[in-house]
């Protein structure tokens, strides 16, 4: 059979191999453009949301740094007004927002920035303050309850009755307080000098005077219009379990003229009269004269009991415990207590009213201007089991 294919002549435009692909390409291009438009719209929305969040954060930041009404917080403008206005020129117009403008208080409340500078310097200078527990009070008086005995407990079976336990015993601590004052003076020429850093000078002068006075009071204060020093507390030789609360325990040296034949043994006895819970964080306290004698002490094999701090800034150590110099501690003498060993954060309480008052006095001692600064401070032994004393006696 003869099969023939008719001849076809292809003229004009070429016929595409797959006509459907052209439509697909157009649809895909349209879909990509649509997706890009959606992505750009979403990005614009996110940018708008981010801008709103940033605006809110900026507003909150400005509100946080804005000075509060009635002196609730200090700003740079308030401190500048206090220093340049009141301290330099005696003007009170620029410190209306600072609280404490009460004539009976004896002056104007120091802004918190300057008060914090005074507190930092006190912490560095006053040895007992750096060790003791310090509380801020809003009033002149402060009271604290201290548990003198734990609540009784016991063991019972699952179904047995629970008998009533004894109630805990408490003692009230009310540290005696007094008005601590300092009265530094500067010439009017110094105050007129814009380069004179009055803020730092005043904080340093007040802190130095406060530290000197309170350092002596925390050790030997009588408790009459001042803190009661820990050396003024009653003393005895009885142990913690039987000794009256508030009475400090002491260890005798066995020598009425010095630290005794075996001073290292006496110091070890002093350490271990204290319960282990208080020994964590305890320190030796003595003056420089006593420390000079202690640094000469050696063990039987010739090793010194005293060891210098191995790193700059670390305290020297005696039998592994830090040594703090307090010049108001007594010298070695018959009947004296030249060395104290204690955890003063547990054992001694300092209560102070936080605001320092300053009264500018340009009249009493012309041409000098005095700045009469006052602050109420109290102190007393808190836990008598946390402080031990070494007594020079036979």
Foldseek 3Di string as FASTA:
>chain_A
DDDDDDDDDDDDDDDDPDVVVVVVVVVVVVVVVVVVVVVVVVVVVVVVVVVVVVVVVVVVVVVVQDQDALQPADHPQLLCCCQLPCVQPNHPPSNRSFPDPDVVVPFGWHHPVLLVLLVVLLCVQAQLNVQAAEDADADLKDKDKDFLDDWDDDDDDPPDDDDDTDDTDIDMDIFQKAKQKDKDKDFSVLSPDPPRPPSNVVSVRGSVSRSVVLSLCCAPNPSDRHTHHLVNWAEDQDASVPDDWRYAHEFECAAQQDNHPCNVVSVVVQLVSADPVWSVQKAKEAAPQVVVVQQPDADPVGHRQWAQDPDPPDATDGVRHGYDHRNSQDDRHGFGFGMKIFSNHQWKYKYWHSTKGWDWACPPDPSMIIIMIIIMMGMGTHGSSGMYTYHHYD
